[in-house]
Structures are given as C-alpha cells and as structure tokens.
C-alpha cells in the first residue's frame, strides 16, 4: 500500500530533501507552501499523514494542525526549528502526534513516519477474538471495533495516539507502564529520550476523560515508575 504524505513547508530546499527520501521509500508526496494551500490539498485528497512546519505564510503550523484535527485523526508530525519545550507542548496540545526539531536526520524522519503509520493503521486492522467488543473502566467505554470512547454515553474525540495509549492502559487496569513502554507500544520503537512528548499526551488524555484533570481518578502517575489506569 502506497501512503500519501502531505508536506506543509515553505522552505524549498527542505522540500527537495524530504521529497528525495520519501519517494525513495515509496511514499507519494503532496506539497503545500503555506497553511491555506495545505488545507485545500488535505480536503481534496486522501492523506495518510501530515508533516507540518510551524512558521508558514497565511496560516501557521499550529493553526493547520488544529484545522486538520477538526475532521481527521491522521498522524501529524510537526517539523520546526523551535527547540523550546513550550513549542513542542503547544504543537502536541493542538493535536500533533510527534515533533521533530530542525535540522534533522532524514533517516530519523522516515523512521518516525513509519512508526506513526504503523501505530495509526494497526488501530484499523481486524481485531483478534480476544480483542473484540468493548473495554469498560469505570464510566469509560472503549469500542475496539468503532475506535470510539464514550464517558457516561458522551462521545469523546481522541487522536490516534491517544487511542493507542488508552487501549494499552484500559486492557491492563492497575498495571504500571513506564513512559518508554508506552512510547514503544504507541510508535513501535523508542526514538527519543525526551519524556515531554508522552507527558503531554497523558495530560491531554486527562483533560478529556477526567472530571478534574488536576486530581485524576483514572490515569494515575506512579512516581519514578510511570502510569496506570484505575478501575474505579
């Protein structure tokens, strides 16, 4: 299966480099030089993953990510020269799945693309008999067929990354998982020693499923170890 990648980037030298490596790996590339053009391409094509620069004309990468997330859960990887944690956190809070700082090794970019695609499309693959049906933890009901989460009957929208994390935790209530274990489950392999990415995903999940995210009842932090979900 050939995957189609949307690249929103205004630096043509970077575009040429990424195109060279993506096409070598068999990907189809759709290029947009600004955020507005990227929205148009996204809405009129079947896109499997988006690579998004932050600083672009007309619509920046944060706004583009938020726009894509209104209708789609495709993997989004932000590419940016901004190295501050605040930039990463903002991108992830907008709905991005990953964040790669420029300049980057093109081979690492390919690895991250493949990892995010594996994670996203494994969610859509047929479930085994033991995985069929629904997983219930407290007021949370996760449907592994429809890939939906409901809390007290209300549908809660999740990104593909959030689904993967929640499935892992809800299938194993009470079990503690390290950040590395969760990262490897979500992406297929551990690509970064930066814990902030996983911390932001957990924070976003708490914002969505907890009555009081500052005093969570479901996703608990086990200090020095990792995270677990409580069957309340």
C-alpha atoms as a PDB file:
ATOM      1  CA  UNK A   1       0.000   0.000   0.000  1.00  0.00           C
ATOM      2  CA  UNK A   2       1.400   3.382  -1.034  1.00  0.00           C
ATOM      3  CA  UNK A   3       0.850   6.031   1.611  1.00  0.00           C
ATOM      4  CA  UNK A   4       0.253   9.671   0.720  1.00  0.00           C
ATOM      5  CA  UNK A   5       2.094  12.280   2.773  1.00  0.00           C
ATOM      6  CA  UNK A   6       1.087  15.940   2.952  1.00  0.00           C
ATOM      7  CA  UNK A   7       4.082  18.232   3.463  1.00  0.00           C
ATOM      8  CA  UNK A   8       3.313  21.813   4.533  1.00  0.00           C
ATOM      9  CA  UNK A   9       6.660  23.619   4.265  1.00  0.00           C
ATOM     10  CA  UNK A  10       7.727  26.940   2.719  1.00  0.00           C
ATOM     11  CA  UNK A  11      11.470  26.181   2.501  1.00  0.00           C
ATOM     12  CA  UNK A  12      12.030  24.635  -0.930  1.00  0.00           C
ATOM     13  CA  UNK A  13      15.453  23.239  -0.025  1.00  0.00           C
ATOM     14  CA  UNK A  14      13.899  21.247   2.811  1.00  0.00           C
ATOM     15  CA  UNK A  15      11.091  20.159   0.491  1.00  0.00           C
ATOM     16  CA  UNK A  16      13.592  18.818  -2.048  1.00  0.00           C
ATOM     17  CA  UNK A  17      15.437  16.864   0.649  1.00  0.00           C
ATOM     18  CA  UNK A  18      12.267  15.364   2.109  1.00  0.00           C
ATOM     19  CA  UNK A  19      10.869  14.548  -1.337  1.00  0.00           C
ATOM     20  CA  UNK A  20      14.084  12.703  -2.240  1.00  0.00           C
ATOM     21  CA  UNK A  21      13.897  10.437   0.808  1.00  0.00           C
ATOM     22  CA  UNK A  22      10.121   9.930   0.782  1.00  0.00           C
ATOM     23  CA  UNK A  23       9.952   8.953  -2.876  1.00  0.00           C
ATOM     24  CA  UNK A  24      12.915   6.608  -2.385  1.00  0.00           C
ATOM     25  CA  UNK A  25      10.844   4.861   0.310  1.00  0.00           C
ATOM     26  CA  UNK A  26       7.816   4.612  -1.984  1.00  0.00           C
ATOM     27  CA  UNK A  27       5.683   7.386  -0.496  1.00  0.00           C
ATOM     28  CA  UNK A  28       3.546   9.753  -2.559  1.00  0.00           C
ATOM     29  CA  UNK A  29       4.153  13.406  -1.619  1.00  0.00           C
ATOM     30  CA  UNK A  30       1.715  16.311  -1.816  1.00  0.00           C
ATOM     31  CA  UNK A  31       3.417  19.657  -1.165  1.00  0.00           C
ATOM     32  CA  UNK A  32       1.846  22.862   0.126  1.00  0.00           C
ATOM     33  CA  UNK A  33       3.917  26.023   0.517  1.00  0.00           C
ATOM     34  CA  UNK A  34       1.628  27.519   3.176  1.00  0.00           C
ATOM     35  CA  UNK A  35      -1.102  26.518   5.593  1.00  0.00           C
ATOM     36  CA  UNK A  36      -4.041  27.678   3.482  1.00  0.00           C
ATOM     37  CA  UNK A  37      -2.841  25.667   0.489  1.00  0.00           C
ATOM     38  CA  UNK A  38      -2.300  22.685   2.799  1.00  0.00           C
ATOM     39  CA  UNK A  39      -5.932  22.810   3.965  1.00  0.00           C
ATOM     40  CA  UNK A  40      -7.120  22.819   0.355  1.00  0.00           C
ATOM     41  CA  UNK A  41      -4.913  19.841  -0.546  1.00  0.00           C
ATOM     42  CA  UNK A  42      -5.976  17.964   2.586  1.00  0.00           C
ATOM     43  CA  UNK A  43      -9.682  18.472   1.913  1.00  0.00           C
ATOM     44  CA  UNK A  44      -9.420  17.303  -1.696  1.00  0.00           C
ATOM     45  CA  UNK A  45      -7.098  14.302  -1.358  1.00  0.00           C
ATOM     46  CA  UNK A  46      -6.776  11.119   0.670  1.00  0.00           C
ATOM     47  CA  UNK A  47      -3.888  11.946   3.002  1.00  0.00           C
ATOM     48  CA  UNK A  48      -2.420   9.315   5.335  1.00  0.00           C
ATOM     49  CA  UNK A  49      -0.003  11.527   7.317  1.00  0.00           C
ATOM     50  CA  UNK A  50       0.901  15.217   7.509  1.00  0.00           C
ATOM     51  CA  UNK A  51       4.313  16.830   8.009  1.00  0.00           C
ATOM     52  CA  UNK A  52       3.759  20.380   9.217  1.00  0.00           C
ATOM     53  CA  UNK A  53       6.188  23.280   9.555  1.00  0.00           C
ATOM     54  CA  UNK A  54       5.257  25.864  12.184  1.00  0.00           C
ATOM     55  CA  UNK A  55       6.378  29.140  10.598  1.00  0.00           C
ATOM     56  CA  UNK A  56       4.456  29.451   7.314  1.00  0.00           C
ATOM     57  CA  UNK A  57       2.683  32.293   5.493  1.00  0.00           C
ATOM     58  CA  UNK A  58      -1.083  32.843   5.705  1.00  0.00           C
ATOM     59  CA  UNK A  59      -1.690  30.044   8.238  1.00  0.00           C
ATOM     60  CA  UNK A  60       0.925  28.737  10.660  1.00  0.00           C
ATOM     61  CA  UNK A  61       1.501  25.105  11.559  1.00  0.00           C
ATOM     62  CA  UNK A  62      -0.365  25.281  14.863  1.00  0.00           C
ATOM     63  CA  UNK A  63      -3.493  26.591  13.128  1.00  0.00           C
ATOM     64  CA  UNK A  64      -3.138  23.994  10.366  1.00  0.00           C
ATOM     65  CA  UNK A  65      -2.836  21.166  12.893  1.00  0.00           C
ATOM     66  CA  UNK A  66      -5.950  22.371  14.701  1.00  0.00           C
ATOM     67  CA  UNK A  67      -7.823  22.612  11.380  1.00  0.00           C
ATOM     68  CA  UNK A  68      -6.898  19.047  10.364  1.00  0.00           C
ATOM     69  CA  UNK A  69      -7.915  17.753  13.794  1.00  0.00           C
ATOM     70  CA  UNK A  70     -11.438  19.121  13.326  1.00  0.00           C
ATOM     71  CA  UNK A  71     -12.190  16.326  10.849  1.00  0.00           C
ATOM     72  CA  UNK A  72      -9.374  13.777  10.937  1.00  0.00           C
ATOM     73  CA  UNK A  73      -7.206  11.668  13.254  1.00  0.00           C
ATOM     74  CA  UNK A  74      -4.376  11.069  10.744  1.00  0.00           C
ATOM     75  CA  UNK A  75      -0.859  11.202  12.234  1.00  0.00           C
ATOM     76  CA  UNK A  76       0.631  14.710  12.275  1.00  0.00           C
ATOM     77  CA  UNK A  77       4.366  15.307  12.728  1.00  0.00           C
ATOM     78  CA  UNK A  78       5.496  18.874  13.338  1.00  0.00           C
ATOM     79  CA  UNK A  79       8.834  19.924  11.828  1.00  0.00           C
ATOM     80  CA  UNK A  80      10.275  23.046  13.416  1.00  0.00           C
ATOM     81  CA  UNK A  81      13.497  24.859  14.213  1.00  0.00           C
ATOM     82  CA  UNK A  82      11.947  25.890  17.548  1.00  0.00           C
ATOM     83  CA  UNK A  83      13.577  23.747  20.237  1.00  0.00           C
ATOM     84  CA  UNK A  84      11.858  25.119  23.347  1.00  0.00           C
ATOM     85  CA  UNK A  85       9.641  22.730  25.287  1.00  0.00           C
ATOM     86  CA  UNK A  86       6.828  25.284  25.107  1.00  0.00           C
ATOM     87  CA  UNK A  87       6.768  24.975  21.301  1.00  0.00           C
ATOM     88  CA  UNK A  88       6.609  21.176  21.489  1.00  0.00           C
ATOM     89  CA  UNK A  89       3.883  21.270  24.110  1.00  0.00           C
ATOM     90  CA  UNK A  90       1.801  23.734  22.093  1.00  0.00           C
ATOM     91  CA  UNK A  91       2.078  21.555  18.973  1.00  0.00           C
ATOM     92  CA  UNK A  92       1.099  18.398  20.842  1.00  0.00           C
ATOM     93  CA  UNK A  93      -1.760  20.201  22.569  1.00  0.00           C
ATOM     94  CA  UNK A  94      -3.074  21.274  19.173  1.00  0.00           C
ATOM     95  CA  UNK A  95      -3.292  17.597  18.226  1.00  0.00           C
ATOM     96  CA  UNK A  96       0.096  16.689  16.746  1.00  0.00           C
ATOM     97  CA  UNK A  97       1.362  13.150  17.357  1.00  0.00           C
ATOM     98  CA  UNK A  98       5.084  13.853  17.113  1.00  0.00           C
ATOM     99  CA  UNK A  99       7.588  16.715  16.931  1.00  0.00           C
ATOM    100  CA  UNK A 100      10.939  16.740  15.136  1.00  0.00           C
ATOM    101  CA  UNK A 101      13.419  19.602  15.532  1.00  0.00           C
ATOM    102  CA  UNK A 102      15.248  21.026  12.500  1.00  0.00           C
ATOM    103  CA  UNK A 103      17.846  20.304  11.306  1.00  0.00           C
ATOM    104  CA  UNK A 104      17.000  16.613  11.433  1.00  0.00           C
ATOM    105  CA  UNK A 105      18.424  13.399  10.039  1.00  0.00           C
ATOM    106  CA  UNK A 106      16.205  12.394   7.070  1.00  0.00           C
ATOM    107  CA  UNK A 107      16.519   8.760   8.136  1.00  0.00           C
ATOM    108  CA  UNK A 108      15.052   9.626  11.539  1.00  0.00           C
ATOM    109  CA  UNK A 109      12.179  11.398   9.788  1.00  0.00           C
ATOM    110  CA  UNK A 110      11.486   8.251   7.737  1.00  0.00           C
ATOM    111  CA  UNK A 111      11.624   6.150  10.913  1.00  0.00           C
ATOM    112  CA  UNK A 112       9.147   8.450  12.657  1.00  0.00           C
ATOM    113  CA  UNK A 113       6.813   8.441   9.636  1.00  0.00           C
ATOM    114  CA  UNK A 114       6.834   4.640   9.507  1.00  0.00           C
ATOM    115  CA  UNK A 115       6.314   4.376  13.269  1.00  0.00           C
ATOM    116  CA  UNK A 116       3.348   6.753  13.216  1.00  0.00           C
ATOM    117  CA  UNK A 117       1.790   4.999  10.213  1.00  0.00           C
ATOM    118  CA  UNK A 118       2.182   1.591  11.878  1.00  0.00           C
ATOM    119  CA  UNK A 119       0.540   2.904  15.001  1.00  0.00           C
ATOM    120  CA  UNK A 120      -2.338   4.618  13.183  1.00  0.00           C
ATOM    121  CA  UNK A 121      -3.190   1.816  10.793  1.00  0.00           C
ATOM    122  CA  UNK A 122      -2.760  -1.005  13.287  1.00  0.00           C
ATOM    123  CA  UNK A 123      -5.742   0.600  15.011  1.00  0.00           C
ATOM    124  CA  UNK A 124      -7.772  -0.002  11.852  1.00  0.00           C
ATOM    125  CA  UNK A 125      -6.683  -3.619  11.323  1.00  0.00           C
ATOM    126  CA  UNK A 126      -9.032  -6.521  12.132  1.00  0.00           C
ATOM    127  CA  UNK A 127      -9.179  -7.348  15.829  1.00  0.00           C
ATOM    128  CA  UNK A 128      -8.446 -10.807  17.218  1.00  0.00           C
ATOM    129  CA  UNK A 129     -11.194 -12.672  19.062  1.00  0.00           C
ATOM    130  CA  UNK A 130      -9.867 -11.678  22.476  1.00  0.00           C
ATOM    131  CA  UNK A 131      -9.797  -8.023  21.443  1.00  0.00           C
ATOM    132  CA  UNK A 132     -13.369  -7.959  20.119  1.00  0.00           C
ATOM    133  CA  UNK A 133     -16.065  -5.902  21.804  1.00  0.00           C
ATOM    134  CA  UNK A 134     -15.821  -3.160  24.342  1.00  0.00           C
ATOM    135  CA  UNK A 135     -13.468  -2.361  27.210  1.00  0.00           C
ATOM    136  CA  UNK A 136     -15.064  -0.732  30.239  1.00  0.00           C
ATOM    137  CA  UNK A 137     -13.233   1.035  33.051  1.00  0.00           C
ATOM    138  CA  UNK A 138     -15.489   2.988  35.390  1.00  0.00           C
ATOM    139  CA  UNK A 139     -17.611   5.313  33.256  1.00  0.00           C
ATOM    140  CA  UNK A 140     -15.293   4.900  30.249  1.00  0.00           C
ATOM    141  CA  UNK A 141     -16.325   2.569  27.412  1.00  0.00           C
ATOM    142  CA  UNK A 142     -13.801   1.992  24.622  1.00  0.00           C
ATOM    143  CA  UNK A 143     -15.186   0.299  21.487  1.00  0.00           C
ATOM    144  CA  UNK A 144     -12.313  -1.548  19.792  1.00  0.00           C
ATOM    145  CA  UNK A 145     -14.336  -2.025  16.591  1.00  0.00           C
ATOM    146  CA  UNK A 146     -15.509   1.538  16.069  1.00  0.00           C
ATOM    147  CA  UNK A 147     -12.431   3.021  17.783  1.00  0.00           C
ATOM    148  CA  UNK A 148     -14.603   5.312  19.855  1.00  0.00           C
ATOM    149  CA  UNK A 149     -14.539   6.321  23.505  1.00  0.00           C
ATOM    150  CA  UNK A 150     -17.616   7.257  25.479  1.00  0.00           C
ATOM    151  CA  UNK A 151     -17.917   8.575  29.009  1.00  0.00           C
ATOM    152  CA  UNK A 152     -21.392   8.290  30.502  1.00  0.00           C
ATOM    153  CA  UNK A 153     -22.698   7.903  26.953  1.00  0.00           C
ATOM    154  CA  UNK A 154     -20.989  11.041  25.626  1.00  0.00           C
ATOM    155  CA  UNK A 155     -18.561  10.588  22.730  1.00  0.00           C
ATOM    156  CA  UNK A 156     -15.030  11.818  23.495  1.00  0.00           C
ATOM    157  CA  UNK A 157     -12.869  12.622  20.435  1.00  0.00           C
ATOM    158  CA  UNK A 158      -9.330  11.242  20.606  1.00  0.00           C
ATOM    159  CA  UNK A 159      -6.291  11.353  18.346  1.00  0.00           C
ATOM    160  CA  UNK A 160      -4.888   8.047  17.090  1.00  0.00           C
ATOM    161  CA  UNK A 161      -2.021   8.332  19.575  1.00  0.00           C
ATOM    162  CA  UNK A 162      -4.431   8.863  22.459  1.00  0.00           C
ATOM    163  CA  UNK A 163      -6.464   5.812  21.378  1.00  0.00           C
ATOM    164  CA  UNK A 164      -3.353   3.641  21.386  1.00  0.00           C
ATOM    165  CA  UNK A 165      -2.295   4.801  24.849  1.00  0.00           C
ATOM    166  CA  UNK A 166      -5.777   4.354  26.277  1.00  0.00           C
ATOM    167  CA  UNK A 167      -6.242   0.872  24.786  1.00  0.00           C
ATOM    168  CA  UNK A 168      -2.959  -0.204  26.380  1.00  0.00           C
ATOM    169  CA  UNK A 169      -3.935   1.153  29.798  1.00  0.00           C
ATOM    170  CA  UNK A 170      -7.591   0.057  29.770  1.00  0.00           C
ATOM    171  CA  UNK A 171      -6.726  -3.517  28.801  1.00  0.00           C
ATOM    172  CA  UNK A 172      -4.484  -3.691  31.869  1.00  0.00           C
ATOM    173  CA  UNK A 173      -6.179  -1.797  34.736  1.00  0.00           C
ATOM    174  CA  UNK A 174      -3.918  -1.427  37.739  1.00  0.00           C
ATOM    175  CA  UNK A 175      -0.751  -2.333  35.838  1.00  0.00           C
ATOM    176  CA  UNK A 176       2.025   0.264  35.814  1.00  0.00           C
ATOM    177  CA  UNK A 177       3.666   1.061  32.459  1.00  0.00           C
ATOM    178  CA  UNK A 178       6.845   3.107  32.116  1.00  0.00           C
ATOM    179  CA  UNK A 179       6.954   6.037  29.714  1.00  0.00           C
ATOM    180  CA  UNK A 180       9.293   4.034  27.478  1.00  0.00           C
ATOM    181  CA  UNK A 181       6.915   1.052  27.408  1.00  0.00           C
ATOM    182  CA  UNK A 182       4.022   3.288  26.418  1.00  0.00           C
ATOM    183  CA  UNK A 183       6.135   5.090  23.812  1.00  0.00           C
ATOM    184  CA  UNK A 184       7.254   1.790  22.276  1.00  0.00           C
ATOM    185  CA  UNK A 185       3.677   0.471  22.205  1.00  0.00           C
ATOM    186  CA  UNK A 186       2.443   3.622  20.507  1.00  0.00           C
ATOM    187  CA  UNK A 187       5.250   4.097  17.983  1.00  0.00           C
ATOM    188  CA  UNK A 188       6.668   0.612  17.575  1.00  0.00           C
ATOM    189  CA  UNK A 189      10.118   1.674  18.685  1.00  0.00           C
ATOM    190  CA  UNK A 190      11.699   4.172  21.062  1.00  0.00           C
ATOM    191  CA  UNK A 191      13.050   7.116  19.079  1.00  0.00           C
ATOM    192  CA  UNK A 192      13.601   9.827  21.663  1.00  0.00           C
ATOM    193  CA  UNK A 193      14.748  10.159  25.252  1.00  0.00           C
ATOM    194  CA  UNK A 194      12.517  13.223  25.636  1.00  0.00           C
ATOM    195  CA  UNK A 195       9.772  12.363  28.145  1.00  0.00           C
ATOM    196  CA  UNK A 196       7.859  15.581  27.470  1.00  0.00           C
ATOM    197  CA  UNK A 197       6.066  14.175  24.416  1.00  0.00           C
ATOM    198  CA  UNK A 198       4.492  11.334  26.390  1.00  0.00           C
ATOM    199  CA  UNK A 199       3.741  13.626  29.336  1.00  0.00           C
ATOM    200  CA  UNK A 200       1.767  15.961  27.059  1.00  0.00           C
ATOM    201  CA  UNK A 201      -0.239  13.082  25.555  1.00  0.00           C
ATOM    202  CA  UNK A 202      -1.097  11.865  29.074  1.00  0.00           C
ATOM    203  CA  UNK A 203      -2.044  15.412  30.088  1.00  0.00           C
ATOM    204  CA  UNK A 204      -4.304  15.763  27.042  1.00  0.00           C
ATOM    205  CA  UNK A 205      -5.980  12.435  27.844  1.00  0.00           C
ATOM    206  CA  UNK A 206      -6.640  13.568  31.401  1.00  0.00           C
ATOM    207  CA  UNK A 207      -8.189  16.789  30.130  1.00  0.00           C
ATOM    208  CA  UNK A 208     -10.606  14.697  28.075  1.00  0.00           C
ATOM    209  CA  UNK A 209     -11.545  11.843  30.423  1.00  0.00           C
ATOM    210  CA  UNK A 210     -11.158  13.166  33.966  1.00  0.00           C
ATOM    211  CA  UNK A 211     -13.810  15.144  35.844  1.00  0.00           C
ATOM    212  CA  UNK A 212     -10.930  17.029  37.472  1.00  0.00           C
ATOM    213  CA  UNK A 213      -7.690  16.682  35.451  1.00  0.00           C
ATOM    214  CA  UNK A 214      -5.682  18.174  38.336  1.00  0.00           C
ATOM    215  CA  UNK A 215      -6.880  15.372  40.625  1.00  0.00           C
ATOM    216  CA  UNK A 216      -7.231  12.421  38.227  1.00  0.00           C
ATOM    217  CA  UNK A 217      -9.254   9.349  39.183  1.00  0.00           C
ATOM    218  CA  UNK A 218      -8.441   7.260  36.113  1.00  0.00           C
ATOM    219  CA  UNK A 219      -4.892   7.828  34.864  1.00  0.00           C
ATOM    220  CA  UNK A 220      -2.577   7.813  37.855  1.00  0.00           C
ATOM    221  CA  UNK A 221       1.093   8.780  37.954  1.00  0.00           C
ATOM    222  CA  UNK A 222       3.260   6.305  39.853  1.00  0.00           C
ATOM    223  CA  UNK A 223       6.232   8.472  40.731  1.00  0.00           C
ATOM    224  CA  UNK A 224       9.545   7.168  39.494  1.00  0.00           C
ATOM    225  CA  UNK A 225       7.836   4.406  37.512  1.00  0.00           C
ATOM    226  CA  UNK A 226       5.192   5.551  35.047  1.00  0.00           C
ATOM    227  CA  UNK A 227       1.402   5.478  34.628  1.00  0.00           C
ATOM    228  CA  UNK A 228      -1.548   3.194  35.288  1.00  0.00           C
ATOM    229  CA  UNK A 229      -5.316   3.367  34.940  1.00  0.00           C
ATOM    230  CA  UNK A 230      -7.561   2.719  37.932  1.00  0.00           C
ATOM    231  CA  UNK A 231     -10.748   0.653  37.580  1.00  0.00           C
ATOM    232  CA  UNK A 232     -12.963   2.890  39.694  1.00  0.00           C
END
